[in-house]
């Protein structure tokens, strides 16, 4: 999906983009605010302009992927079956023009061509226990952190929210960096330490099998620390060096791979407040978990704009995977009817208990194999209602007949979702620039593999030509 590059914008250009985003999001707030499970209870289809309804009604899922989301299948030519209203075309164009591009500077990763489960860019020991998506992520972010560390002269990398330590292990034992890993879950830290030892043993065995491969420097496993990082306060443990630097104070680089909610904000605050932190490489996620206020907005500029507010529903929508959903639309599989089924279930719940709105329904297995009434019965049981409630089968079938409308409305909301993510990340860029720091946003992962693929890179010295090096895919 095309978009705008943060690198191509001056500080004033970024401020103007924030103005444009708040205006556009306010214009289409009714679509973004809507819950797809209330499609029938709130008559969401009728909230769309009549001309939009005429253009979208009857479109098959692959047509929605091609014409609305702008993601045609391989070799497919975009052909509209009718003349679309200018307002709908303007929405599509605006959504593409104002969102940060998620297309990295490398082609679809060739690392999985030979084996979809094994990255050819990682050796076997580093792939063990790591899923393909995570293999891609740790390699790409790890290599960027190594380049950024070399550029800024860092003495230590701090991986915050390190989980099982996959990124930390690759940076420490694969790239030779001095790494401290901070994770709040004791069980994950214990698991990470076991995997560290397993990897060390595997690397030693590999060396014995290949004596020509000589380890020139001693290996240092990541240093794991169990600690919750409070986003509202500085964490002293995060700032403590593992070793006393030879000259002067420690120079730290903070990183986080999909640092959840306020954790990514904590990284920004440590970077801006602590002189020993000289660089940052953060990939955020779970925007709906941001504190309100506190997690957004961060910049004075965005906070001063009318319509800057991003309530929970909008931030939750920004976490959806546009590319993955477009692929599902192209395949037109039966799994697409899940939203329609859940919206139909909501109508039954409201009739039985009007005060019960949007209750969580634990995952119902193999939804696509169920009849709609079977799904409703299982759903009623999961929300504590009588599964034998009398059902209006004719009404349920009428809802099912609108499945493509449900998919079309959800696709509209998904088209706008990247604008919300763009505003959140743009706010972070402006927050750092307002304090005199240098900050850029780069697409680092393949969006098909990792939807939250934008890394915020910040330093306290001009990045200059280093940006081109950071974006380059290692050979």
Protein backbone atom coordinates (compact mmCIF):
# COMPACT_ATOMS: atom_id res chain seq x y z
CA UNK A 1 0.00 0.00 0.00
CA UNK A 2 1.50 3.40 -0.96
CA UNK A 3 1.97 6.11 1.61
CA UNK A 4 4.15 8.94 2.79
CA UNK A 5 7.69 8.57 4.10
CA UNK A 6 8.50 10.29 7.38
CA UNK A 7 12.02 10.81 6.05
CA UNK A 8 10.73 13.01 3.27
CA UNK A 9 9.10 15.47 5.66
CA UNK A 10 10.62 18.49 7.35
CA UNK A 11 9.62 19.35 10.90
CA UNK A 12 7.02 21.77 9.56
CA UNK A 13 5.83 19.13 7.12
CA UNK A 14 5.31 16.71 9.98
CA UNK A 15 3.32 19.30 11.90
CA UNK A 16 1.11 19.91 8.87
CA UNK A 17 0.60 16.18 8.44
CA UNK A 18 -0.68 16.02 12.02
CA UNK A 19 -3.15 18.80 11.21
CA UNK A 20 -4.37 16.95 8.13
CA UNK A 21 -4.71 13.67 9.99
CA UNK A 22 -6.82 15.12 12.80
CA UNK A 23 -9.13 16.75 10.26
CA UNK A 24 -9.58 13.58 8.24
CA UNK A 25 -10.10 11.36 11.28
CA UNK A 26 -12.76 13.77 12.57
CA UNK A 27 -14.50 13.64 9.19
CA UNK A 28 -14.76 9.84 9.20
CA UNK A 29 -15.07 9.36 12.96
CA UNK A 30 -18.44 7.58 12.66
CA UNK A 31 -16.83 4.73 10.71
CA UNK A 32 -13.84 4.46 13.04
CA UNK A 33 -15.98 4.63 16.18
CA UNK A 34 -18.27 1.81 15.07
CA UNK A 35 -18.01 -1.73 16.44
CA UNK A 36 -18.53 -4.26 13.67
CA UNK A 37 -20.40 -6.56 16.06
CA UNK A 38 -23.08 -3.84 16.22
CA UNK A 39 -23.57 -3.89 12.46
CA UNK A 40 -27.19 -5.01 12.79
CA UNK A 41 -28.13 -3.59 16.18
CA UNK A 42 -26.95 -0.09 15.16
CA UNK A 43 -27.83 -0.35 11.44
CA UNK A 44 -24.27 0.56 10.46
CA UNK A 45 -24.89 0.05 6.76
CA UNK A 46 -27.47 2.83 6.76
CA UNK A 47 -24.96 5.24 8.31
CA UNK A 48 -23.03 5.23 5.02
CA UNK A 49 -23.99 7.67 2.24
CA UNK A 50 -26.44 6.12 -0.21
CA UNK A 51 -23.97 6.53 -3.07
CA UNK A 52 -21.37 4.53 -1.08
CA UNK A 53 -23.92 1.81 -0.40
CA UNK A 54 -24.66 1.51 -4.11
CA UNK A 55 -20.96 1.32 -5.00
CA UNK A 56 -20.06 -1.25 -2.33
CA UNK A 57 -23.20 -3.37 -2.19
CA UNK A 58 -22.73 -6.74 -3.84
CA UNK A 59 -18.95 -6.52 -4.11
CA UNK A 60 -17.24 -9.85 -3.51
CA UNK A 61 -14.33 -9.97 -1.04
CA UNK A 62 -11.61 -10.06 -3.76
CA UNK A 63 -13.18 -6.97 -5.34
CA UNK A 64 -13.04 -5.16 -1.99
CA UNK A 65 -9.36 -6.02 -1.65
CA UNK A 66 -8.63 -4.74 -5.14
CA UNK A 67 -10.89 -1.72 -5.50
CA UNK A 68 -11.28 -0.42 -1.95
CA UNK A 69 -8.08 -1.43 -0.17
CA UNK A 70 -5.98 -1.01 -3.31
CA UNK A 71 -4.35 -4.41 -2.96
CA UNK A 72 -5.02 -6.38 -6.14
CA UNK A 73 -4.00 -9.98 -6.55
CA UNK A 74 -0.84 -10.82 -8.46
CA UNK A 75 -1.19 -9.74 -12.08
CA UNK A 76 -4.70 -8.39 -11.48
CA UNK A 77 -5.84 -5.19 -13.20
CA UNK A 78 -8.07 -2.88 -11.17
CA UNK A 79 -11.43 -2.49 -12.93
CA UNK A 80 -14.40 -0.74 -11.36
CA UNK A 81 -17.76 -2.25 -12.22
CA UNK A 82 -19.40 1.19 -11.93
CA UNK A 83 -18.48 4.83 -11.46
CA UNK A 84 -17.71 5.33 -7.79
CA UNK A 85 -18.78 8.54 -6.04
CA UNK A 86 -16.03 11.11 -5.73
CA UNK A 87 -16.41 11.16 -1.94
CA UNK A 88 -15.58 7.45 -1.71
CA UNK A 89 -12.67 7.80 -4.12
CA UNK A 90 -11.45 10.76 -2.04
CA UNK A 91 -11.55 8.61 1.11
CA UNK A 92 -9.50 5.90 -0.57
CA UNK A 93 -6.94 8.37 -1.94
CA UNK A 94 -6.66 10.27 1.33
CA UNK A 95 -6.15 7.09 3.35
CA UNK A 96 -3.28 6.12 1.05
CA UNK A 97 -1.73 9.58 0.86
CA UNK A 98 -1.63 10.46 4.56
CA UNK A 99 -0.52 7.15 6.10
CA UNK A 100 3.14 6.42 6.69
CA UNK A 101 4.36 3.93 4.12
CA UNK A 102 4.70 0.42 5.48
CA UNK A 103 6.70 -0.82 2.51
CA UNK A 104 10.34 -1.41 3.47
CA UNK A 105 13.25 -0.69 1.20
CA UNK A 106 13.74 -4.38 0.43
CA UNK A 107 11.64 -6.81 -1.54
CA UNK A 108 9.41 -9.47 0.01
CA UNK A 109 11.88 -11.36 2.17
CA UNK A 110 13.75 -13.93 0.15
CA UNK A 111 14.82 -15.62 3.37
CA UNK A 112 11.75 -17.91 3.33
CA UNK A 113 11.72 -18.92 -0.34
CA UNK A 114 13.46 -22.23 0.26
CA UNK A 115 11.60 -23.11 3.45
CA UNK A 116 8.63 -21.06 4.74
CA UNK A 117 9.47 -22.04 8.32
CA UNK A 118 13.19 -21.30 8.32
CA UNK A 119 14.93 -18.04 7.56
CA UNK A 120 17.91 -18.65 5.33
CA UNK A 121 19.51 -15.57 6.89
CA UNK A 122 19.78 -17.15 10.35
CA UNK A 123 21.82 -20.20 11.25
CA UNK A 124 20.00 -23.21 12.66
CA UNK A 125 20.83 -22.54 16.34
CA UNK A 126 19.23 -19.08 16.19
CA UNK A 127 16.11 -20.44 14.47
CA UNK A 128 15.35 -23.08 17.10
CA UNK A 129 12.21 -22.35 19.17
CA UNK A 130 11.59 -19.22 17.05
CA UNK A 131 8.64 -18.90 14.68
CA UNK A 132 9.23 -17.55 11.14
CA UNK A 133 7.67 -14.15 11.94
CA UNK A 134 9.94 -13.72 14.94
CA UNK A 135 12.97 -14.96 12.99
CA UNK A 136 12.41 -12.17 10.49
CA UNK A 137 11.87 -9.59 13.23
CA UNK A 138 14.87 -10.38 15.41
CA UNK A 139 17.19 -10.50 12.43
CA UNK A 140 16.01 -7.21 10.93
CA UNK A 141 15.81 -5.27 14.20
CA UNK A 142 19.00 -6.85 15.57
CA UNK A 143 20.98 -5.82 12.50
CA UNK A 144 19.58 -2.28 12.66
CA UNK A 145 20.49 -2.03 16.36
CA UNK A 146 24.03 -3.21 15.60
CA UNK A 147 24.46 -0.51 12.94
CA UNK A 148 22.95 2.14 15.22
CA UNK A 149 25.18 1.02 18.08
CA UNK A 150 28.27 1.31 15.90
CA UNK A 151 27.17 4.73 14.62
CA UNK A 152 26.53 6.18 18.10
CA UNK A 153 29.38 4.44 19.92
CA UNK A 154 27.12 2.63 22.37
CA UNK A 155 28.66 0.45 25.06
CA UNK A 156 25.49 -1.47 25.93
CA UNK A 157 22.09 -2.35 24.48
CA UNK A 158 19.07 -2.59 26.77
CA UNK A 159 16.23 -4.74 25.43
CA UNK A 160 13.09 -3.69 27.32
CA UNK A 161 10.15 -6.11 27.43
CA UNK A 162 12.43 -8.86 26.20
CA UNK A 163 10.05 -11.78 26.77
CA UNK A 164 11.79 -15.09 26.08
CA UNK A 165 14.90 -13.24 24.97
CA UNK A 166 14.98 -14.14 21.27
CA UNK A 167 16.08 -10.65 20.19
CA UNK A 168 18.54 -10.31 23.07
CA UNK A 169 20.13 -13.69 22.27
CA UNK A 170 20.61 -12.82 18.62
CA UNK A 171 22.11 -9.41 19.44
CA UNK A 172 24.44 -10.81 22.13
CA UNK A 173 25.47 -14.21 20.76
CA UNK A 174 24.92 -13.53 17.07
CA UNK A 175 26.06 -9.94 16.69
CA UNK A 176 28.46 -9.61 19.61
CA UNK A 177 26.69 -6.79 21.43
CA UNK A 178 26.68 -6.31 25.21
CA UNK A 179 23.00 -6.77 26.08
CA UNK A 180 20.88 -6.33 29.18
CA UNK A 181 17.36 -7.80 28.94
CA UNK A 182 14.59 -6.43 31.12
CA UNK A 183 11.34 -8.38 31.48
CA UNK A 184 8.65 -8.22 34.14
CA UNK A 185 7.54 -11.85 33.98
CA UNK A 186 9.74 -14.16 36.06
CA UNK A 187 8.66 -17.22 34.10
CA UNK A 188 9.68 -15.69 30.79
CA UNK A 189 13.06 -14.72 32.22
CA UNK A 190 13.68 -18.25 33.46
CA UNK A 191 12.71 -19.59 30.05
CA UNK A 192 15.07 -17.08 28.39
CA UNK A 193 17.97 -18.19 30.58
CA UNK A 194 17.38 -21.84 29.70
CA UNK A 195 17.32 -20.96 26.00
CA UNK A 196 20.56 -19.00 26.43
CA UNK A 197 22.32 -22.09 27.74
CA UNK A 198 20.83 -24.26 25.03
CA UNK A 199 22.04 -21.87 22.35
CA UNK A 200 25.54 -21.67 23.82
CA UNK A 201 25.78 -25.47 23.77
CA UNK A 202 24.54 -25.58 20.18
CA UNK A 203 27.09 -22.97 19.08
CA UNK A 204 29.91 -24.88 20.79
CA UNK A 205 28.89 -28.10 19.00
CA UNK A 206 28.76 -26.23 15.70
CA UNK A 207 32.29 -24.94 16.24
CA UNK A 208 33.57 -28.47 16.91
CA UNK A 209 31.96 -29.69 13.70
CA UNK A 210 33.42 -26.74 11.77
CA UNK A 211 36.86 -26.03 13.24
CA UNK A 212 37.56 -23.53 10.46
CA UNK A 213 34.98 -21.25 12.10
CA UNK A 214 36.93 -19.52 14.85
CA UNK A 215 35.25 -17.46 17.58
CA UNK A 216 37.57 -14.44 17.81
CA UNK A 217 36.08 -12.94 20.99
CA UNK A 218 34.46 -14.40 24.11
CA UNK A 219 30.72 -14.84 23.97
CA UNK A 220 28.55 -12.91 26.39
CA UNK A 221 25.02 -14.14 27.01
CA UNK A 222 22.40 -11.48 27.66
CA UNK A 223 22.15 -10.34 31.27
CA UNK A 224 18.53 -10.93 32.29
CA UNK A 225 16.76 -8.81 34.88
CA UNK A 226 13.24 -9.30 36.25
CA UNK A 227 11.76 -5.84 36.52
CA UNK A 228 8.53 -4.10 35.58
CA UNK A 229 9.22 -0.75 33.95
CA UNK A 230 6.87 1.95 35.22
CA UNK A 231 6.04 4.26 32.30
CA UNK A 232 5.61 7.20 34.69
CA UNK A 233 8.97 6.91 36.46
CA UNK A 234 12.59 6.31 35.57
CA UNK A 235 13.89 2.78 36.09
CA UNK A 236 17.35 2.85 37.68
CA UNK A 237 18.03 -0.80 36.80
CA UNK A 238 17.52 0.01 33.14
CA UNK A 239 20.30 2.60 33.33
CA UNK A 240 22.90 0.58 35.25
CA UNK A 241 25.86 -0.50 33.06
CA UNK A 242 26.91 -4.14 32.99
CA UNK A 243 30.56 -3.14 32.90
CA UNK A 244 32.39 0.05 33.76
CA UNK A 245 33.23 1.73 30.45
CA UNK A 246 36.90 2.33 29.79
CA UNK A 247 36.42 6.03 29.27
CA UNK A 248 33.66 8.23 30.62
CA UNK A 249 30.11 7.20 31.33
CA UNK A 250 28.17 4.35 29.76
CA UNK A 251 26.45 4.99 26.44
CA UNK A 252 23.20 3.06 26.25
CA UNK A 253 20.96 2.13 23.34
CA UNK A 254 17.37 1.26 24.24
CA UNK A 255 15.36 -1.09 22.09
CA UNK A 256 12.03 -2.87 22.27
CA UNK A 257 10.49 -5.29 19.80
CA UNK A 258 6.74 -4.61 19.90
CA UNK A 259 6.97 -2.89 23.27
CA UNK A 260 3.36 -3.06 24.36
CA UNK A 261 1.26 0.05 25.07
CA UNK A 262 2.91 2.38 27.60
CA UNK A 263 6.16 0.43 27.52
CA UNK A 264 7.09 2.06 24.21
CA UNK A 265 6.30 5.45 25.80
CA UNK A 266 8.59 4.59 28.72
CA UNK A 267 11.43 4.01 26.27
CA UNK A 268 10.91 7.47 24.77
CA UNK A 269 10.89 9.11 28.20
CA UNK A 270 14.08 7.35 29.31
CA UNK A 271 15.75 8.41 26.07
CA UNK A 272 14.71 12.04 26.49
CA UNK A 273 15.47 12.32 30.23
CA UNK A 274 18.68 10.30 30.69
CA UNK A 275 21.98 11.61 29.28
CA UNK A 276 23.50 8.11 29.27
CA UNK A 277 20.86 6.94 26.78
CA UNK A 278 22.17 8.09 23.41
CA UNK A 279 20.07 6.06 20.97
CA UNK A 280 16.68 4.41 20.62
CA UNK A 281 15.20 1.81 18.27
CA UNK A 282 11.61 1.04 19.24
CA UNK A 283 8.82 -0.87 17.50
CA UNK A 284 5.54 -0.24 19.31
CA UNK A 285 2.27 -2.15 19.34
CA UNK A 286 -1.00 -2.55 21.31
CA UNK A 287 -1.94 1.13 21.01
CA UNK A 288 -5.26 0.47 22.77
CA UNK A 289 -3.27 -0.14 25.97
CA UNK A 290 -1.85 3.39 26.00
CA UNK A 291 -2.80 5.37 29.09
CA UNK A 292 -5.26 8.17 28.47
CA UNK A 293 -3.91 10.65 29.32
CA UNK A 294 -0.21 9.88 29.56
CA UNK A 295 0.49 7.62 26.61
CA UNK A 296 -0.96 9.90 23.94
CA UNK A 297 -0.54 12.67 23.02
CA UNK A 298 3.08 13.25 23.98
CA UNK A 299 3.90 16.26 21.82
CA UNK A 300 2.75 19.79 22.57
CA UNK A 301 1.85 20.26 18.91
CA UNK A 302 -0.59 17.37 18.64
CA UNK A 303 -2.07 18.12 22.08
CA UNK A 304 -2.94 21.60 20.84
CA UNK A 305 -4.82 20.44 17.74
CA UNK A 306 -8.63 20.29 17.69
CA UNK A 307 -9.81 16.71 17.27
CA UNK A 308 -6.54 15.12 18.41
CA UNK A 309 -8.34 12.68 20.73
CA UNK A 310 -8.04 8.98 19.92
CA UNK A 311 -10.41 6.97 22.12
CA UNK A 312 -9.94 3.27 22.79
CA UNK A 313 -11.92 2.08 19.77
CA UNK A 314 -9.76 4.01 17.32
CA UNK A 315 -6.50 2.87 18.92
CA UNK A 316 -7.69 -0.74 18.94
CA UNK A 317 -8.55 -0.54 15.25
CA UNK A 318 -5.04 0.75 14.48
CA UNK A 319 -3.65 -2.61 15.60
CA UNK A 320 -5.36 -4.61 12.86
CA UNK A 321 -3.34 -6.11 10.04
CA UNK A 322 -4.41 -4.48 6.78
CA UNK A 323 -2.23 -6.61 4.50
CA UNK A 324 -3.26 -9.85 6.18
CA UNK A 325 -6.96 -9.00 5.86
CA UNK A 326 -6.55 -8.04 2.20
CA UNK A 327 -4.99 -11.45 1.60
CA UNK A 328 -7.97 -13.09 3.29
CA UNK A 329 -10.31 -11.07 1.07
CA UNK A 330 -8.47 -12.23 -2.03
CA UNK A 331 -8.88 -15.86 -0.94
CA UNK A 332 -12.56 -15.27 -0.08
CA UNK A 333 -12.53 -18.05 2.49
CA UNK A 334 -15.50 -18.92 4.70
CA UNK A 335 -13.68 -17.51 7.73
CA UNK A 336 -14.70 -14.02 6.60
CA UNK A 337 -18.22 -14.62 7.83
CA UNK A 338 -17.11 -14.57 11.48
CA UNK A 339 -17.92 -10.86 11.86
CA UNK A 340 -21.37 -11.40 10.39
CA UNK A 341 -22.03 -14.30 12.75
CA UNK A 342 -20.89 -12.27 15.76
CA UNK A 343 -23.03 -9.29 14.73
CA UNK A 344 -26.06 -11.59 14.40
CA UNK A 345 -25.32 -13.02 17.85
CA UNK A 346 -25.32 -9.49 19.26
CA UNK A 347 -28.93 -8.99 18.11
CA UNK A 348 -30.00 -12.12 19.99
CA UNK A 349 -28.10 -11.07 23.13
CA UNK A 350 -29.71 -7.62 23.09
CA UNK A 351 -33.20 -9.09 22.82
CA UNK A 352 -32.55 -11.42 25.74
CA UNK A 353 -30.69 -8.90 27.91
CA UNK A 354 -30.79 -5.32 26.55
CA UNK A 355 -28.27 -4.09 29.14
CA UNK A 356 -25.63 -6.62 28.01
CA UNK A 357 -23.66 -4.87 25.28
CA UNK A 358 -20.69 -6.25 23.36
CA UNK A 359 -19.81 -9.04 25.82
CA UNK A 360 -16.60 -10.90 25.14
CA UNK A 361 -17.19 -14.23 23.42
CA UNK A 362 -14.37 -16.70 23.93
CA UNK A 363 -13.13 -18.20 20.70
CA UNK A 364 -15.58 -20.61 19.13
CA UNK A 365 -13.61 -23.23 17.18
CA UNK A 366 -14.14 -23.82 13.47
CA UNK A 367 -16.73 -21.09 13.09
CA UNK A 368 -16.79 -21.46 9.31
CA UNK A 369 -18.09 -25.02 9.65
CA UNK A 370 -21.06 -24.03 11.82
CA UNK A 371 -24.53 -23.00 10.74
CA UNK A 372 -25.39 -19.53 11.96
CA UNK A 373 -27.89 -20.85 14.52
CA UNK A 374 -25.27 -23.29 15.87
CA UNK A 375 -22.83 -20.42 16.32
CA UNK A 376 -25.46 -18.33 18.10
CA UNK A 377 -26.27 -21.15 20.49
CA UNK A 378 -22.60 -21.64 21.39
CA UNK A 379 -22.17 -17.89 21.75
CA UNK A 380 -25.13 -17.58 24.09
CA UNK A 381 -23.66 -20.25 26.33
CA UNK A 382 -20.31 -18.47 26.43
CA UNK A 383 -21.86 -15.21 27.65
CA UNK A 384 -23.92 -16.96 30.33
CA UNK A 385 -27.28 -17.05 28.56
CA UNK A 386 -29.55 -19.99 27.84
CA UNK A 387 -28.35 -21.64 24.58
CA UNK A 388 -31.87 -23.01 24.09
CA UNK A 389 -33.47 -19.58 23.75
CA UNK A 390 -35.97 -19.61 20.87
CA UNK A 391 -34.30 -18.22 17.75
CA UNK A 392 -35.82 -16.37 14.82
CA UNK A 393 -34.19 -18.42 12.08
CA UNK A 394 -35.60 -16.22 9.32
CA UNK A 395 -34.02 -13.14 10.90
CA UNK A 396 -30.69 -14.94 11.27
CA UNK A 397 -30.75 -15.96 7.62
CA UNK A 398 -31.56 -12.39 6.65
CA UNK A 399 -28.49 -11.25 8.58
CA UNK A 400 -26.37 -13.91 6.89
CA UNK A 401 -27.52 -12.64 3.50
CA UNK A 402 -25.77 -9.34 4.34
CA UNK A 403 -22.40 -10.97 4.95
CA UNK A 404 -20.73 -9.05 2.13
CA UNK A 405 -22.03 -5.76 3.54
CA UNK A 406 -20.49 -6.57 6.91
CA UNK A 407 -17.18 -7.32 5.22
CA UNK A 408 -17.40 -4.11 3.18
CA UNK A 409 -18.02 -1.95 6.26
CA UNK A 410 -15.17 -3.59 8.14
CA UNK A 411 -12.91 -3.02 5.12
CA UNK A 412 -13.79 0.69 5.18
CA UNK A 413 -12.76 0.95 8.82
CA UNK A 414 -9.59 -1.00 8.11
CA UNK A 415 -8.72 1.37 5.26
CA UNK A 416 -8.70 4.24 7.76
CA UNK A 417 -6.90 2.41 10.56
CA UNK A 418 -3.34 3.20 9.33
CA UNK A 419 -4.14 6.91 9.67
CA UNK A 420 -4.64 6.39 13.41
CA UNK A 421 -1.32 4.56 13.74
CA UNK A 422 0.35 7.29 11.70
CA UNK A 423 -0.93 10.00 14.05
CA UNK A 424 0.25 8.09 17.14
CA UNK A 425 3.74 7.57 15.72
CA UNK A 426 3.91 11.07 14.28
CA UNK A 427 3.12 12.42 17.75
CA UNK A 428 6.14 10.51 19.07
CA UNK A 429 8.41 11.93 16.37
CA UNK A 430 7.24 15.46 17.14
CA UNK A 431 7.66 14.88 20.90
CA UNK A 432 11.33 14.02 20.39
CA UNK A 433 11.93 16.82 17.89
CA UNK A 434 10.39 19.38 20.24
CA UNK A 435 13.20 18.51 22.68
CA UNK A 436 15.89 18.92 20.06
CA UNK A 437 16.52 15.24 19.30
CA UNK A 438 16.83 13.59 15.90
CA UNK A 439 14.11 11.06 15.14
CA UNK A 440 12.99 9.09 12.10
CA UNK A 441 10.50 6.36 11.37
CA UNK A 442 11.49 3.49 9.09
CA UNK A 443 9.53 0.47 7.78
CA UNK A 444 11.75 -2.38 8.90
CA UNK A 445 9.76 -5.61 8.57
CA UNK A 446 7.78 -7.10 5.74
CA UNK A 447 4.17 -6.01 6.54
CA UNK A 448 2.88 -9.39 5.38
CA UNK A 449 4.92 -11.05 8.12
CA UNK A 450 4.78 -8.37 10.81
CA UNK A 451 1.95 -5.79 10.61
CA UNK A 452 3.44 -3.40 13.21
CA UNK A 453 6.55 -2.85 11.15
CA UNK A 454 7.59 0.77 11.75
CA UNK A 455 10.66 1.35 13.93
CA UNK A 456 11.24 4.70 15.61
CA UNK A 457 14.95 5.51 15.52
CA UNK A 458 16.22 8.39 17.63
CA UNK A 459 19.65 9.77 18.46
CA UNK A 460 21.13 12.82 20.14
CA UNK A 461 23.35 13.51 17.16
CA UNK A 462 22.34 14.07 13.52
CA UNK A 463 21.64 10.81 11.73
CA UNK A 464 22.68 12.11 8.32
CA UNK A 465 23.86 9.43 5.93
CA UNK A 466 23.50 6.78 8.62
CA UNK A 467 19.80 6.49 7.75
CA UNK A 468 20.55 4.95 4.38
CA UNK A 469 22.82 2.42 6.08
CA UNK A 470 20.17 1.59 8.68
CA UNK A 471 17.56 0.88 6.01
CA UNK A 472 19.84 -1.30 3.89
CA UNK A 473 19.25 -5.05 3.95
CA UNK A 474 22.48 -6.82 4.89
CA UNK A 475 23.79 -9.20 2.25
